[in-house]
Amino acid sequence: MATVKLVAHVVGAKAGKGDFNGVKYDYTKLNIELEQKKYPADADQWTAGLDVDSYNIGDSGKRHALTGVSFPCQMELELDITTKGNVVVGFKVIK
């Protein structure tokens, strides 16, 4: 597992806890703006502009750490890069 630090434009956050069809869920996620990968004009894939992806920061209790944050904002993030996705292990709003 690799850990990286980066500054990101965070456009929002969401949290949830409950049960859906017998499957329990409990999460807090940051919605992070990402630049699309650029492909050559003749490639089979094409993207333009920006995308947003949700990064897990922990269970729904982590939402309290976001109280008072005004979105969108810049954040310094510390991410664990894993085969199951990126997990935010530390974050700080940049004023």
PDB file of N, CA and C in Angstrom:
ATOM      1  N   MET A   1       0.852  -1.172   0.000  1.00  0.00           N
ATOM      2  CA  MET A   1       0.000   0.000   0.000  1.00  0.00           C
ATOM      3  C   MET A   1       0.898   1.234   0.000  1.00  0.00           C
ATOM      4  N   ALA A   2       0.549   2.196  -0.841  1.00  0.00           N
ATOM      5  CA  ALA A   2       1.300   3.449  -0.932  1.00  0.00           C
ATOM      6  C   ALA A   2       0.456   4.581  -0.346  1.00  0.00           C
ATOM      7  N   THR A   3       1.128   5.532   0.276  1.00  0.00           N
ATOM      8  CA  THR A   3       0.454   6.711   0.807  1.00  0.00           C
ATOM      9  C   THR A   3       0.987   7.935   0.075  1.00  0.00           C
ATOM     10  N   VAL A   4       0.071   8.796  -0.369  1.00  0.00           N
ATOM     11  CA  VAL A   4       0.457  10.011  -1.074  1.00  0.00           C
ATOM     12  C   VAL A   4      -0.250  11.210  -0.449  1.00  0.00           C
ATOM     13  N   LYS A   5       0.354  12.385  -0.597  1.00  0.00           N
ATOM     14  CA  LYS A   5      -0.271  13.638  -0.165  1.00  0.00           C
ATOM     15  C   LYS A   5      -0.517  14.488  -1.392  1.00  0.00           C
ATOM     16  N   LEU A   6      -1.670  15.164  -1.409  1.00  0.00           N
ATOM     17  CA  LEU A   6      -1.991  16.035  -2.526  1.00  0.00           C
ATOM     18  C   LEU A   6      -2.967  17.114  -2.085  1.00  0.00           C
ATOM     19  N   VAL A   7      -3.048  18.168  -2.884  1.00  0.00           N
ATOM     20  CA  VAL A   7      -4.039  19.211  -2.663  1.00  0.00           C
ATOM     21  C   VAL A   7      -5.145  18.978  -3.685  1.00  0.00           C
ATOM     22  N   ALA A   8      -6.399  18.984  -3.213  1.00  0.00           N
ATOM     23  CA  ALA A   8      -7.531  18.685  -4.088  1.00  0.00           C
ATOM     24  C   ALA A   8      -8.643  19.701  -3.904  1.00  0.00           C
ATOM     25  N   HIS A   9      -9.420  19.878  -4.965  1.00  0.00           N
ATOM     26  CA  HIS A   9     -10.625  20.701  -4.926  1.00  0.00           C
ATOM     27  C   HIS A   9     -11.773  19.772  -4.514  1.00  0.00           C
ATOM     28  N   VAL A  10     -12.294  19.972  -3.305  1.00  0.00           N
ATOM     29  CA  VAL A  10     -13.350  19.110  -2.769  1.00  0.00           C
ATOM     30  C   VAL A  10     -14.683  19.853  -2.920  1.00  0.00           C
ATOM     31  N   VAL A  11     -15.597  19.271  -3.675  1.00  0.00           N
ATOM     32  CA  VAL A  11     -16.845  19.959  -3.995  1.00  0.00           C
ATOM     33  C   VAL A  11     -17.991  19.623  -3.049  1.00  0.00           C
ATOM     34  N   GLY A  12     -17.821  18.605  -2.217  1.00  0.00           N
ATOM     35  CA  GLY A  12     -18.880  18.246  -1.284  1.00  0.00           C
ATOM     36  C   GLY A  12     -18.525  17.004  -0.491  1.00  0.00           C
ATOM     37  N   ALA A  13     -19.455  16.605   0.361  1.00  0.00           N
ATOM     38  CA  ALA A  13     -19.265  15.413   1.196  1.00  0.00           C
ATOM     39  C   ALA A  13     -20.623  14.769   1.418  1.00  0.00           C
ATOM     40  N   LYS A  14     -20.599  13.491   1.760  1.00  0.00           N
ATOM     41  CA  LYS A  14     -21.836  12.792   2.076  1.00  0.00           C
ATOM     42  C   LYS A  14     -21.547  11.709   3.101  1.00  0.00           C
ATOM     43  N   ALA A  15     -22.576  11.400   3.906  1.00  0.00           N
ATOM     44  CA  ALA A  15     -22.439  10.350   4.914  1.00  0.00           C
ATOM     45  C   ALA A  15     -23.741   9.574   4.969  1.00  0.00           C
ATOM     46  N   GLY A  16     -23.648   8.318   5.331  1.00  0.00           N
ATOM     47  CA  GLY A  16     -24.840   7.501   5.455  1.00  0.00           C
ATOM     48  C   GLY A  16     -24.597   6.306   6.353  1.00  0.00           C
ATOM     49  N   LYS A  17     -25.678   5.874   6.999  1.00  0.00           N
ATOM     50  CA  LYS A  17     -25.604   4.691   7.856  1.00  0.00           C
ATOM     51  C   LYS A  17     -26.972   4.042   7.838  1.00  0.00           C
ATOM     52  N   GLY A  18     -26.997   2.752   7.658  1.00  0.00           N
ATOM     53  CA  GLY A  18     -28.271   2.066   7.655  1.00  0.00           C
ATOM     54  C   GLY A  18     -28.159   0.652   7.151  1.00  0.00           C
ATOM     55  N   ASP A  19     -29.279   0.173   6.619  1.00  0.00           N
ATOM     56  CA  ASP A  19     -29.392  -1.198   6.136  1.00  0.00           C
ATOM     57  C   ASP A  19     -30.213  -1.156   4.855  1.00  0.00           C
ATOM     58  N   PHE A  20     -29.718  -1.769   3.798  1.00  0.00           N
ATOM     59  CA  PHE A  20     -30.451  -1.846   2.542  1.00  0.00           C
ATOM     60  C   PHE A  20     -30.537  -3.302   2.126  1.00  0.00           C
ATOM     61  N   ASN A  21     -31.726  -3.848   2.144  1.00  0.00           N
ATOM     62  CA  ASN A  21     -31.951  -5.253   1.786  1.00  0.00           C
ATOM     63  C   ASN A  21     -31.038  -6.197   2.564  1.00  0.00           C
ATOM     64  N   GLY A  22     -30.857  -5.923   3.846  1.00  0.00           N
ATOM     65  CA  GLY A  22     -30.049  -6.786   4.698  1.00  0.00           C
ATOM     66  C   GLY A  22     -28.560  -6.513   4.669  1.00  0.00           C
ATOM     67  N   VAL A  23     -28.132  -5.549   3.848  1.00  0.00           N
ATOM     68  CA  VAL A  23     -26.709  -5.193   3.774  1.00  0.00           C
ATOM     69  C   VAL A  23     -26.505  -3.886   4.528  1.00  0.00           C
ATOM     70  N   LYS A  24     -25.668  -3.938   5.567  1.00  0.00           N
ATOM     71  CA  LYS A  24     -25.401  -2.745   6.370  1.00  0.00           C
ATOM     72  C   LYS A  24     -24.378  -1.849   5.662  1.00  0.00           C
ATOM     73  N   TYR A  25     -24.555  -0.537   5.798  1.00  0.00           N
ATOM     74  CA  TYR A  25     -23.586   0.429   5.269  1.00  0.00           C
ATOM     75  C   TYR A  25     -23.358   1.525   6.295  1.00  0.00           C
ATOM     76  N   ASP A  26     -22.169   2.096   6.282  1.00  0.00           N
ATOM     77  CA  ASP A  26     -21.767   3.128   7.245  1.00  0.00           C
ATOM     78  C   ASP A  26     -20.550   3.825   6.648  1.00  0.00           C
ATOM     79  N   TYR A  27     -20.711   5.063   6.171  1.00  0.00           N
ATOM     80  CA  TYR A  27     -19.611   5.721   5.467  1.00  0.00           C
ATOM     81  C   TYR A  27     -19.691   7.240   5.570  1.00  0.00           C
ATOM     82  N   THR A  28     -18.557   7.872   5.362  1.00  0.00           N
ATOM     83  CA  THR A  28     -18.454   9.298   5.049  1.00  0.00           C
ATOM     84  C   THR A  28     -17.497   9.397   3.880  1.00  0.00           C
ATOM     85  N   LYS A  29     -17.875  10.183   2.861  1.00  0.00           N
ATOM     86  CA  LYS A  29     -17.061  10.321   1.656  1.00  0.00           C
ATOM     87  C   LYS A  29     -16.905  11.789   1.282  1.00  0.00           C
ATOM     88  N   LEU A  30     -15.748  12.099   0.698  1.00  0.00           N
ATOM     89  CA  LEU A  30     -15.500  13.410   0.118  1.00  0.00           C
ATOM     90  C   LEU A  30     -15.665  13.299  -1.392  1.00  0.00           C
ATOM     91  N   ASN A  31     -16.325  14.267  -2.003  1.00  0.00           N
ATOM     92  CA  ASN A  31     -16.481  14.309  -3.458  1.00  0.00           C
ATOM     93  C   ASN A  31     -15.398  15.227  -4.008  1.00  0.00           C
ATOM     94  N   ILE A  32     -14.455  14.634  -4.735  1.00  0.00           N
ATOM     95  CA  ILE A  32     -13.242  15.326  -5.167  1.00  0.00           C
ATOM     96  C   ILE A  32     -13.267  15.523  -6.681  1.00  0.00           C
ATOM     97  N   GLU A  33     -13.001  16.768  -7.092  1.00  0.00           N
ATOM     98  CA  GLU A  33     -12.944  17.103  -8.510  1.00  0.00           C
ATOM     99  C   GLU A  33     -11.625  16.602  -9.099  1.00  0.00           C
ATOM    100  N   LEU A  34     -11.717  15.916 -10.225  1.00  0.00           N
ATOM    101  CA  LEU A  34     -10.549  15.346 -10.883  1.00  0.00           C
ATOM    102  C   LEU A  34     -10.493  15.806 -12.336  1.00  0.00           C
ATOM    103  N   GLU A  35      -9.304  16.027 -12.832  1.00  0.00           N
ATOM    104  CA  GLU A  35      -9.149  16.355 -14.241  1.00  0.00           C
ATOM    105  C   GLU A  35      -9.205  15.062 -15.043  1.00  0.00           C
ATOM    106  N   GLN A  36      -9.924  15.086 -16.157  1.00  0.00           N
ATOM    107  CA  GLN A  36     -10.035  13.908 -17.012  1.00  0.00           C
ATOM    108  C   GLN A  36      -8.710  13.629 -17.708  1.00  0.00           C
ATOM    109  N   LYS A  37      -8.410  12.360 -17.906  1.00  0.00           N
ATOM    110  CA  LYS A  37      -7.237  11.975 -18.682  1.00  0.00           C
ATOM    111  C   LYS A  37      -7.465  12.385 -20.137  1.00  0.00           C
ATOM    112  N   LYS A  38      -6.455  12.942 -20.741  1.00  0.00           N
ATOM    113  CA  LYS A  38      -6.578  13.358 -22.138  1.00  0.00           C
ATOM    114  C   LYS A  38      -6.049  12.249 -23.052  1.00  0.00           C
ATOM    115  N   TYR A  39      -6.818  11.938 -24.082  1.00  0.00           N
ATOM    116  CA  TYR A  39      -6.454  10.917 -25.058  1.00  0.00           C
ATOM    117  C   TYR A  39      -6.165  11.599 -26.398  1.00  0.00           C
ATOM    118  N   PRO A  40      -5.366  10.981 -27.247  1.00  0.00           N
ATOM    119  CA  PRO A  40      -5.161  11.529 -28.598  1.00  0.00           C
ATOM    120  C   PRO A  40      -6.498  11.576 -29.359  1.00  0.00           C
ATOM    121  N   ALA A  41      -6.605  12.498 -30.294  1.00  0.00           N
ATOM    122  CA  ALA A  41      -7.862  12.691 -31.037  1.00  0.00           C
ATOM    123  C   ALA A  41      -8.335  11.426 -31.744  1.00  0.00           C
ATOM    124  N   ASP A  42      -7.418  10.551 -32.144  1.00  0.00           N
ATOM    125  CA  ASP A  42      -7.805   9.338 -32.869  1.00  0.00           C
ATOM    126  C   ASP A  42      -7.976   8.119 -31.958  1.00  0.00           C
ATOM    127  N   ALA A  43      -7.982   8.319 -30.661  1.00  0.00           N
ATOM    128  CA  ALA A  43      -8.127   7.197 -29.723  1.00  0.00           C
ATOM    129  C   ALA A  43      -9.578   6.718 -29.671  1.00  0.00           C
ATOM    130  N   ASP A  44      -9.781   5.479 -29.198  1.00  0.00           N
ATOM    131  CA  ASP A  44     -11.125   4.931 -29.051  1.00  0.00           C
ATOM    132  C   ASP A  44     -11.874   5.577 -27.883  1.00  0.00           C
ATOM    133  N   GLN A  45     -11.134   6.095 -26.896  1.00  0.00           N
ATOM    134  CA  GLN A  45     -11.747   6.745 -25.743  1.00  0.00           C
ATOM    135  C   GLN A  45     -11.596   8.252 -25.877  1.00  0.00           C
ATOM    136  N   TRP A  46     -12.560   8.991 -25.312  1.00  0.00           N
ATOM    137  CA  TRP A  46     -12.464  10.444 -25.363  1.00  0.00           C
ATOM    138  C   TRP A  46     -13.122  11.013 -24.124  1.00  0.00           C
ATOM    139  N   THR A  47     -12.480  11.966 -23.484  1.00  0.00           N
ATOM    140  CA  THR A  47     -13.042  12.658 -22.330  1.00  0.00           C
ATOM    141  C   THR A  47     -12.731  14.137 -22.459  1.00  0.00           C
ATOM    142  N   ALA A  48     -13.503  14.953 -21.778  1.00  0.00           N
ATOM    143  CA  ALA A  48     -13.261  16.396 -21.772  1.00  0.00           C
ATOM    144  C   ALA A  48     -13.699  16.958 -20.429  1.00  0.00           C
ATOM    145  N   GLY A  49     -12.992  17.971 -19.982  1.00  0.00           N
ATOM    146  CA  GLY A  49     -13.406  18.659 -18.766  1.00  0.00           C
ATOM    147  C   GLY A  49     -13.004  17.958 -17.493  1.00  0.00           C
ATOM    148  N   LEU A  50     -13.912  17.990 -16.516  1.00  0.00           N
ATOM    149  CA  LEU A  50     -13.638  17.486 -15.177  1.00  0.00           C
ATOM    150  C   LEU A  50     -14.588  16.357 -14.818  1.00  0.00           C
ATOM    151  N   ASP A  51     -14.195  15.598 -13.797  1.00  0.00           N
ATOM    152  CA  ASP A  51     -15.006  14.511 -13.270  1.00  0.00           C
ATOM    153  C   ASP A  51     -15.008  14.667 -11.753  1.00  0.00           C
ATOM    154  N   VAL A  52     -15.924  13.996 -11.078  1.00  0.00           N
ATOM    155  CA  VAL A  52     -15.962  13.983  -9.616  1.00  0.00           C
ATOM    156  C   VAL A  52     -15.984  12.534  -9.172  1.00  0.00           C
ATOM    157  N   ASP A  53     -15.160  12.209  -8.169  1.00  0.00           N
ATOM    158  CA  ASP A  53     -15.133  10.861  -7.618  1.00  0.00           C
ATOM    159  C   ASP A  53     -15.271  10.953  -6.106  1.00  0.00           C
ATOM    160  N   SER A  54     -15.869   9.944  -5.497  1.00  0.00           N
ATOM    161  CA  SER A  54     -16.049   9.906  -4.041  1.00  0.00           C
ATOM    162  C   SER A  54     -14.938   9.084  -3.405  1.00  0.00           C
ATOM    163  N   TYR A  55     -14.294   9.664  -2.401  1.00  0.00           N
ATOM    164  CA  TYR A  55     -13.214   8.992  -1.671  1.00  0.00           C
ATOM    165  C   TYR A  55     -13.669   8.780  -0.229  1.00  0.00           C
ATOM    166  N   ASN A  56     -13.563   7.552   0.235  1.00  0.00           N
ATOM    167  CA  ASN A  56     -13.978   7.180   1.585  1.00  0.00           C
ATOM    168  C   ASN A  56     -13.043   7.790   2.627  1.00  0.00           C
ATOM    169  N   ILE A  57     -13.622   8.362   3.694  1.00  0.00           N
ATOM    170  CA  ILE A  57     -12.796   8.848   4.803  1.00  0.00           C
ATOM    171  C   ILE A  57     -13.088   8.101   6.102  1.00  0.00           C
ATOM    172  N   GLY A  58     -14.058   7.186   6.074  1.00  0.00           N
ATOM    173  CA  GLY A  58     -14.344   6.394   7.270  1.00  0.00           C
ATOM    174  C   GLY A  58     -15.827   6.188   7.461  1.00  0.00           C
ATOM    175  N   ASP A  59     -16.226   5.869   8.685  1.00  0.00           N
ATOM    176  CA  ASP A  59     -17.633   5.618   8.969  1.00  0.00           C
ATOM    177  C   ASP A  59     -18.398   6.938   9.082  1.00  0.00           C
ATOM    178  N   SER A  60     -19.714   6.854   9.286  1.00  0.00           N
ATOM    179  CA  SER A  60     -20.559   8.043   9.294  1.00  0.00           C
ATOM    180  C   SER A  60     -20.210   9.013  10.428  1.00  0.00           C
ATOM    181  N   GLY A  61     -19.544   8.545  11.459  1.00  0.00           N
ATOM    182  CA  GLY A  61     -19.115   9.420  12.544  1.00  0.00           C
ATOM    183  C   GLY A  61     -18.084  10.448  12.107  1.00  0.00           C
ATOM    184  N   LYS A  62     -17.366  10.167  11.023  1.00  0.00           N
ATOM    185  CA  LYS A  62     -16.357  11.111  10.513  1.00  0.00           C
ATOM    186  C   LYS A  62     -16.983  12.392   9.986  1.00  0.00           C
ATOM    187  N   ARG A  63     -18.302  12.380   9.734  1.00  0.00           N
ATOM    188  CA  ARG A  63     -18.947  13.585   9.208  1.00  0.00           C
ATOM    189  C   ARG A  63     -18.821  14.758  10.171  1.00  0.00           C
ATOM    190  N   HIS A  64     -18.688  14.460  11.453  1.00  0.00           N
ATOM    191  CA  HIS A  64     -18.563  15.530  12.448  1.00  0.00           C
ATOM    192  C   HIS A  64     -17.287  16.345  12.257  1.00  0.00           C
ATOM    193  N   ALA A  65     -16.256  15.727  11.688  1.00  0.00           N
ATOM    194  CA  ALA A  65     -15.006  16.447  11.413  1.00  0.00           C
ATOM    195  C   ALA A  65     -15.187  17.459  10.286  1.00  0.00           C
ATOM    196  N   LEU A  66     -16.288  17.364   9.547  1.00  0.00           N
ATOM    197  CA  LEU A  66     -16.545  18.268   8.427  1.00  0.00           C
ATOM    198  C   LEU A  66     -17.531  19.383   8.784  1.00  0.00           C
ATOM    199  N   THR A  67     -18.033  19.372  10.028  1.00  0.00           N
ATOM    200  CA  THR A  67     -18.961  20.404  10.463  1.00  0.00           C
ATOM    201  C   THR A  67     -18.300  21.776  10.341  1.00  0.00           C
ATOM    202  N   GLY A  68     -18.976  22.688   9.701  1.00  0.00           N
ATOM    203  CA  GLY A  68     -18.448  24.042   9.544  1.00  0.00           C
ATOM    204  C   GLY A  68     -17.605  24.250   8.301  1.00  0.00           C
ATOM    205  N   VAL A  69     -17.296  23.184   7.564  1.00  0.00           N
ATOM    206  CA  VAL A  69     -16.528  23.332   6.327  1.00  0.00           C
ATOM    207  C   VAL A  69     -17.460  23.888   5.261  1.00  0.00           C
ATOM    208  N   SER A  70     -17.015  24.908   4.559  1.00  0.00           N
ATOM    209  CA  SER A  70     -17.787  25.513   3.483  1.00  0.00           C
ATOM    210  C   SER A  70     -17.302  24.934   2.151  1.00  0.00           C
ATOM    211  N   PHE A  71     -18.195  24.207   1.475  1.00  0.00           N
ATOM    212  CA  PHE A  71     -17.841  23.582   0.198  1.00  0.00           C
ATOM    213  C   PHE A  71     -18.307  24.463  -0.944  1.00  0.00           C
ATOM    214  N   PRO A  72     -17.620  24.471  -2.072  1.00  0.00           N
ATOM    215  CA  PRO A  72     -16.372  23.760  -2.361  1.00  0.00           C
ATOM    216  C   PRO A  72     -15.194  24.415  -1.645  1.00  0.00           C
ATOM    217  N   CYS A  73     -14.112  23.640  -1.469  1.00  0.00           N
ATOM    218  CA  CYS A  73     -12.922  24.145  -0.799  1.00  0.00           C
ATOM    219  C   CYS A  73     -11.690  23.370  -1.267  1.00  0.00           C
ATOM    220  N   GLN A  74     -10.543  23.911  -0.962  1.00  0.00           N
ATOM    221  CA  GLN A  74      -9.280  23.217  -1.202  1.00  0.00           C
ATOM    222  C   GLN A  74      -8.929  22.456   0.067  1.00  0.00           C
ATOM    223  N   MET A  75      -8.487  21.217  -0.080  1.00  0.00           N
ATOM    224  CA  MET A  75      -8.059  20.411   1.064  1.00  0.00           C
ATOM    225  C   MET A  75      -6.728  19.755   0.753  1.00  0.00           C
ATOM    226  N   GLU A  76      -5.921  19.639   1.787  1.00  0.00           N
ATOM    227  CA  GLU A  76      -4.711  18.828   1.705  1.00  0.00           C
ATOM    228  C   GLU A  76      -5.125  17.441   2.160  1.00  0.00           C
ATOM    229  N   LEU A  77      -4.951  16.454   1.287  1.00  0.00           N
ATOM    230  CA  LEU A  77      -5.386  15.086   1.565  1.00  0.00           C
ATOM    231  C   LEU A  77      -4.196  14.151   1.676  1.00  0.00           C
ATOM    232  N   GLU A  78      -4.320  13.197   2.560  1.00  0.00           N
ATOM    233  CA  GLU A  78      -3.367  12.087   2.637  1.00  0.00           C
ATOM    234  C   GLU A  78      -4.160  10.837   2.264  1.00  0.00           C
ATOM    235  N   LEU A  79      -3.732  10.171   1.185  1.00  0.00           N
ATOM    236  CA  LEU A  79      -4.463   9.021   0.653  1.00  0.00           C
ATOM    237  C   LEU A  79      -3.657   7.743   0.761  1.00  0.00           C
ATOM    238  N   ASP A  80      -4.330   6.667   1.141  1.00  0.00           N
ATOM    239  CA  ASP A  80      -3.765   5.326   1.003  1.00  0.00           C
ATOM    240  C   ASP A  80      -4.270   4.795  -0.330  1.00  0.00           C
ATOM    241  N   ILE A  81      -3.346   4.441  -1.214  1.00  0.00           N
ATOM    242  CA  ILE A  81      -3.690   3.899  -2.521  1.00  0.00           C
ATOM    243  C   ILE A  81      -3.697   2.379  -2.393  1.00  0.00           C
ATOM    244  N   THR A  82      -4.873   1.769  -2.599  1.00  0.00           N
ATOM    245  CA  THR A  82      -5.005   0.321  -2.441  1.00  0.00           C
ATOM    246  C   THR A  82      -5.613  -0.282  -3.702  1.00  0.00           C
ATOM    247  N   THR A  83      -5.602  -1.583  -3.788  1.00  0.00           N
ATOM    248  CA  THR A  83      -6.214  -2.261  -4.929  1.00  0.00           C
ATOM    249  C   THR A  83      -7.734  -2.146  -4.900  1.00  0.00           C
ATOM    250  N   LYS A  84      -8.302  -1.773  -3.749  1.00  0.00           N
ATOM    251  CA  LYS A  84      -9.758  -1.618  -3.625  1.00  0.00           C
ATOM    252  C   LYS A  84     -10.183  -0.159  -3.709  1.00  0.00           C
ATOM    253  N   GLY A  85      -9.256   0.728  -4.051  1.00  0.00           N
ATOM    254  CA  GLY A  85      -9.593   2.144  -4.185  1.00  0.00           C
ATOM    255  C   GLY A  85      -8.759   3.011  -3.264  1.00  0.00           C
ATOM    256  N   ASN A  86      -8.970   4.302  -3.379  1.00  0.00           N
ATOM    257  CA  ASN A  86      -8.233   5.265  -2.567  1.00  0.00           C
ATOM    258  C   ASN A  86      -9.012   5.582  -1.306  1.00  0.00           C
ATOM    259  N   VAL A  87      -8.320   5.619  -0.160  1.00  0.00           N
ATOM    260  CA  VAL A  87      -8.940   5.916   1.124  1.00  0.00           C
ATOM    261  C   VAL A  87      -8.245   7.126   1.723  1.00  0.00           C
ATOM    262  N   VAL A  88      -9.030   8.139   2.091  1.00  0.00           N
ATOM    263  CA  VAL A  88      -8.470   9.323   2.735  1.00  0.00           C
ATOM    264  C   VAL A  88      -8.182   8.985   4.193  1.00  0.00           C
ATOM    265  N   VAL A  89      -6.916   9.098   4.600  1.00  0.00           N
ATOM    266  CA  VAL A  89      -6.539   8.801   5.982  1.00  0.00           C
ATOM    267  C   VAL A  89      -6.235  10.082   6.758  1.00  0.00           C
ATOM    268  N   GLY A  90      -6.192  11.210   6.061  1.00  0.00           N
ATOM    269  CA  GLY A  90      -5.990  12.494   6.717  1.00  0.00           C
ATOM    270  C   GLY A  90      -6.401  13.614   5.788  1.00  0.00           C
ATOM    271  N   PHE A  91      -6.972  14.685   6.352  1.00  0.00           N
ATOM    272  CA  PHE A  91      -7.366  15.825   5.529  1.00  0.00           C
ATOM    273  C   PHE A  91      -7.345  17.108   6.358  1.00  0.00           C
ATOM    274  N   LYS A  92      -7.082  18.215   5.652  1.00  0.00           N
ATOM    275  CA  LYS A  92      -7.041  19.513   6.298  1.00  0.00           C
ATOM    276  C   LYS A  92      -7.514  20.549   5.285  1.00  0.00           C
ATOM    277  N   VAL A  93      -8.459  21.396   5.696  1.00  0.00           N
ATOM    278  CA  VAL A  93      -8.927  22.475   4.826  1.00  0.00           C
ATOM    279  C   VAL A  93      -7.836  23.513   4.725  1.00  0.00           C
ATOM    280  N   ILE A  94      -7.575  23.962   3.506  1.00  0.00           N
ATOM    281  CA  ILE A  94      -6.593  25.023   3.274  1.00  0.00           C
ATOM    282  C   ILE A  94      -7.355  26.334   3.216  1.00  0.00           C
ATOM    283  N   LYS A  95      -7.019  27.242   4.086  1.00  0.00           N
ATOM    284  CA  LYS A  95      -7.711  28.551   4.164  1.00  0.00           C
ATOM    285  C   LYS A  95      -7.207  29.491   3.117  1.00  0.00           C
TER     286      LYS A  95
END
